[in-house]
Amino acid sequence: MPRHCVAAGCIMKNSEGYSLHKFPRDQDLHEKWTRAVKRQRSKWDRPSKYSLLYSKHFEPDCFVTEGSRYRDEVGIPNKKRLKADAVPTIFPRSISTVVAGQEPLLQDWQRRNDSAKQ
């Protein structure tokens, strides 16, 4: 099964620096995530057990950084974990604009692609 984001207009796939997140099991939170996606994808029925969202669709304060002395000593970046009550709020209005003043997803993707080709 391909791993990609279900958000409308999101063209990133397994992009470096972004993590994919499964829809939560908690029914109330699951419904909030579903409504958030449906605002931009009105014909989308509901998430499947394989549906994922990229971390790019969450505000920075939706994450907790988990560190350890070992990670610090060997220079491994600390892990960012999605908070249990996090709800996605950043979705493209169109293919080139993103809500909440975030950088457009398409431009971000193009910049990554261009630098990979060089």
C-alpha atoms as a PDB file:
ATOM      1  CA  MET A   1       0.000   0.000   0.000  1.00  0.00           C
ATOM      2  CA  PRO A   2       1.554   3.360  -0.987  1.00  0.00           C
ATOM      3  CA  ARG A   3       2.206   5.703   1.890  1.00  0.00           C
ATOM      4  CA  HIS A   4       0.927   9.146   1.049  1.00  0.00           C
ATOM      5  CA  CYS A   5      -1.008  11.992   2.620  1.00  0.00           C
ATOM      6  CA  VAL A   6      -4.799  12.174   2.165  1.00  0.00           C
ATOM      7  CA  ALA A   7      -4.964  15.986   2.415  1.00  0.00           C
ATOM      8  CA  ALA A   8      -6.292  17.731  -0.698  1.00  0.00           C
ATOM      9  CA  GLY A   9      -3.487  19.102  -2.842  1.00  0.00           C
ATOM     10  CA  CYS A  10      -0.731  17.485  -0.795  1.00  0.00           C
ATOM     11  CA  ILE A  11       1.698  16.026  -3.284  1.00  0.00           C
ATOM     12  CA  MET A  12       4.442  14.993  -0.893  1.00  0.00           C
ATOM     13  CA  LYS A  13       5.243  11.304  -0.581  1.00  0.00           C
ATOM     14  CA  ASN A  14       7.595  10.019   2.094  1.00  0.00           C
ATOM     15  CA  SER A  15       9.355  13.391   2.113  1.00  0.00           C
ATOM     16  CA  GLU A  16      12.456  13.773   4.213  1.00  0.00           C
ATOM     17  CA  GLY A  17      11.839  15.836   7.303  1.00  0.00           C
ATOM     18  CA  TYR A  18       8.116  15.136   7.510  1.00  0.00           C
ATOM     19  CA  SER A  19       6.446  12.294   9.324  1.00  0.00           C
ATOM     20  CA  LEU A  20       3.220  10.521   8.421  1.00  0.00           C
ATOM     21  CA  HIS A  21       0.517  10.064  11.055  1.00  0.00           C
ATOM     22  CA  LYS A  22      -2.345   7.566  11.225  1.00  0.00           C
ATOM     23  CA  PHE A  23      -5.802   8.774  12.097  1.00  0.00           C
ATOM     24  CA  PRO A  24      -6.321   8.441  15.859  1.00  0.00           C
ATOM     25  CA  ARG A  25      -8.284   5.607  17.416  1.00  0.00           C
ATOM     26  CA  ASP A  26     -10.116   7.947  19.790  1.00  0.00           C
ATOM     27  CA  GLN A  27     -13.509   8.431  18.110  1.00  0.00           C
ATOM     28  CA  ASP A  28     -13.901  12.158  18.932  1.00  0.00           C
ATOM     29  CA  LEU A  29     -10.410  13.014  17.737  1.00  0.00           C
ATOM     30  CA  HIS A  30     -10.831  10.766  14.676  1.00  0.00           C
ATOM     31  CA  GLU A  31     -13.958  12.731  13.771  1.00  0.00           C
ATOM     32  CA  LYS A  32     -12.125  16.071  14.172  1.00  0.00           C
ATOM     33  CA  TRP A  33      -9.360  14.909  11.820  1.00  0.00           C
ATOM     34  CA  THR A  34     -11.962  13.663   9.338  1.00  0.00           C
ATOM     35  CA  ARG A  35     -13.845  16.989   9.380  1.00  0.00           C
ATOM     36  CA  ALA A  36     -10.573  18.884   8.929  1.00  0.00           C
ATOM     37  CA  VAL A  37      -9.717  16.887   5.784  1.00  0.00           C
ATOM     38  CA  LYS A  38     -13.294  17.077   4.462  1.00  0.00           C
ATOM     39  CA  ARG A  39     -13.214  20.896   4.538  1.00  0.00           C
ATOM     40  CA  GLN A  40     -10.902  20.714   1.522  1.00  0.00           C
ATOM     41  CA  ARG A  41     -12.048  17.365   0.092  1.00  0.00           C
ATOM     42  CA  SER A  42     -15.843  17.524   0.160  1.00  0.00           C
ATOM     43  CA  LYS A  43     -16.278  14.343  -1.898  1.00  0.00           C
ATOM     44  CA  TRP A  44     -13.964  12.338   0.366  1.00  0.00           C
ATOM     45  CA  ASP A  45     -16.049   9.790   2.241  1.00  0.00           C
ATOM     46  CA  ARG A  46     -13.954   8.865   5.282  1.00  0.00           C
ATOM     47  CA  PRO A  47     -10.479   7.653   6.131  1.00  0.00           C
ATOM     48  CA  SER A  48      -9.518   4.045   5.663  1.00  0.00           C
ATOM     49  CA  LYS A  49      -7.275   2.197   8.072  1.00  0.00           C
ATOM     50  CA  TYR A  50      -4.410   3.195   5.747  1.00  0.00           C
ATOM     51  CA  SER A  51      -5.153   6.940   5.656  1.00  0.00           C
ATOM     52  CA  LEU A  52      -2.286   9.168   6.762  1.00  0.00           C
ATOM     53  CA  LEU A  53      -1.548  12.877   7.191  1.00  0.00           C
ATOM     54  CA  TYR A  54       1.858  14.536   6.988  1.00  0.00           C
ATOM     55  CA  SER A  55       3.209  16.433   9.977  1.00  0.00           C
ATOM     56  CA  LYS A  56       3.185  19.524   7.714  1.00  0.00           C
ATOM     57  CA  HIS A  57      -0.581  19.770   8.329  1.00  0.00           C
ATOM     58  CA  PHE A  58      -0.121  20.322  12.081  1.00  0.00           C
ATOM     59  CA  GLU A  59       0.969  23.483  13.890  1.00  0.00           C
ATOM     60  CA  PRO A  60       4.424  23.285  15.527  1.00  0.00           C
ATOM     61  CA  ASP A  61       2.841  23.393  18.989  1.00  0.00           C
ATOM     62  CA  CYS A  62       1.057  20.080  18.219  1.00  0.00           C
ATOM     63  CA  PHE A  63       4.353  18.254  18.796  1.00  0.00           C
ATOM     64  CA  VAL A  64       6.391  17.235  21.823  1.00  0.00           C
ATOM     65  CA  THR A  65      10.134  16.739  21.483  1.00  0.00           C
ATOM     66  CA  GLU A  66      11.434  13.540  23.012  1.00  0.00           C
ATOM     67  CA  GLY A  67      15.123  13.545  23.715  1.00  0.00           C
ATOM     68  CA  SER A  68      17.590  11.392  25.538  1.00  0.00           C
ATOM     69  CA  ARG A  69      21.121  11.735  26.807  1.00  0.00           C
ATOM     70  CA  TYR A  70      22.243   9.015  24.359  1.00  0.00           C
ATOM     71  CA  ARG A  71      20.734  10.858  21.371  1.00  0.00           C
ATOM     72  CA  ASP A  72      22.469  14.057  22.454  1.00  0.00           C
ATOM     73  CA  GLU A  73      25.822  12.317  22.960  1.00  0.00           C
ATOM     74  CA  VAL A  74      25.886  10.681  19.541  1.00  0.00           C
ATOM     75  CA  GLY A  75      24.349  13.614  17.685  1.00  0.00           C
ATOM     76  CA  ILE A  76      21.063  11.992  16.689  1.00  0.00           C
ATOM     77  CA  PRO A  77      18.245  14.546  16.365  1.00  0.00           C
ATOM     78  CA  ASN A  78      15.543  14.349  19.018  1.00  0.00           C
ATOM     79  CA  LYS A  79      12.237  12.765  17.975  1.00  0.00           C
ATOM     80  CA  LYS A  80       9.126  14.868  17.603  1.00  0.00           C
ATOM     81  CA  ARG A  81       5.944  13.113  18.690  1.00  0.00           C
ATOM     82  CA  LEU A  82       2.427  14.272  17.886  1.00  0.00           C
ATOM     83  CA  LYS A  83       0.483  15.254  21.010  1.00  0.00           C
ATOM     84  CA  ALA A  84      -2.470  13.019  21.861  1.00  0.00           C
ATOM     85  CA  ASP A  85      -4.995  15.847  21.329  1.00  0.00           C
ATOM     86  CA  ALA A  86      -3.466  17.312  18.139  1.00  0.00           C
ATOM     87  CA  VAL A  87      -5.796  18.226  15.270  1.00  0.00           C
ATOM     88  CA  PRO A  88      -4.558  19.082  11.751  1.00  0.00           C
ATOM     89  CA  THR A  89      -5.242  22.706  10.796  1.00  0.00           C
ATOM     90  CA  ILE A  90      -2.901  23.508   7.903  1.00  0.00           C
ATOM     91  CA  PHE A  91      -4.383  22.552   4.543  1.00  0.00           C
ATOM     92  CA  PRO A  92      -3.941  24.029   1.062  1.00  0.00           C
ATOM     93  CA  ARG A  93      -6.757  26.222  -0.211  1.00  0.00           C
ATOM     94  CA  SER A  94      -5.511  25.443  -3.676  1.00  0.00           C
ATOM     95  CA  ILE A  95      -2.466  23.730  -5.085  1.00  0.00           C
ATOM     96  CA  SER A  96      -0.268  26.762  -4.361  1.00  0.00           C
ATOM     97  CA  THR A  97      -1.518  28.295  -1.110  1.00  0.00           C
ATOM     98  CA  VAL A  98      -1.605  27.101   2.455  1.00  0.00           C
ATOM     99  CA  VAL A  99      -3.701  28.241   5.425  1.00  0.00           C
ATOM    100  CA  ALA A 100      -2.107  29.945   8.448  1.00  0.00           C
ATOM    101  CA  GLY A 101       0.685  31.674   6.533  1.00  0.00           C
ATOM    102  CA  GLN A 102       2.718  28.517   6.068  1.00  0.00           C
ATOM    103  CA  GLU A 103       4.918  28.092   3.011  1.00  0.00           C
ATOM    104  CA  PRO A 104       3.029  26.615   0.044  1.00  0.00           C
ATOM    105  CA  LEU A 105       3.321  22.847  -0.108  1.00  0.00           C
ATOM    106  CA  LEU A 106       3.863  22.851  -3.853  1.00  0.00           C
ATOM    107  CA  GLN A 107       6.778  25.296  -3.665  1.00  0.00           C
ATOM    108  CA  ASP A 108       8.311  23.300  -0.818  1.00  0.00           C
ATOM    109  CA  TRP A 109       8.001  20.107  -2.851  1.00  0.00           C
ATOM    110  CA  GLN A 110       9.434  21.788  -5.973  1.00  0.00           C
ATOM    111  CA  ARG A 111      12.390  23.172  -4.026  1.00  0.00           C
ATOM    112  CA  ARG A 112      13.177  19.700  -2.632  1.00  0.00           C
ATOM    113  CA  ASN A 113      12.880  18.141  -6.101  1.00  0.00           C
ATOM    114  CA  ASP A 114      15.084  20.805  -7.698  1.00  0.00           C
ATOM    115  CA  SER A 115      17.810  20.406  -5.082  1.00  0.00           C
ATOM    116  CA  ALA A 116      17.698  16.598  -5.443  1.00  0.00           C
ATOM    117  CA  LYS A 117      18.272  16.886  -9.202  1.00  0.00           C
ATOM    118  CA  GLN A 118      21.415  18.991  -8.760  1.00  0.00           C
END
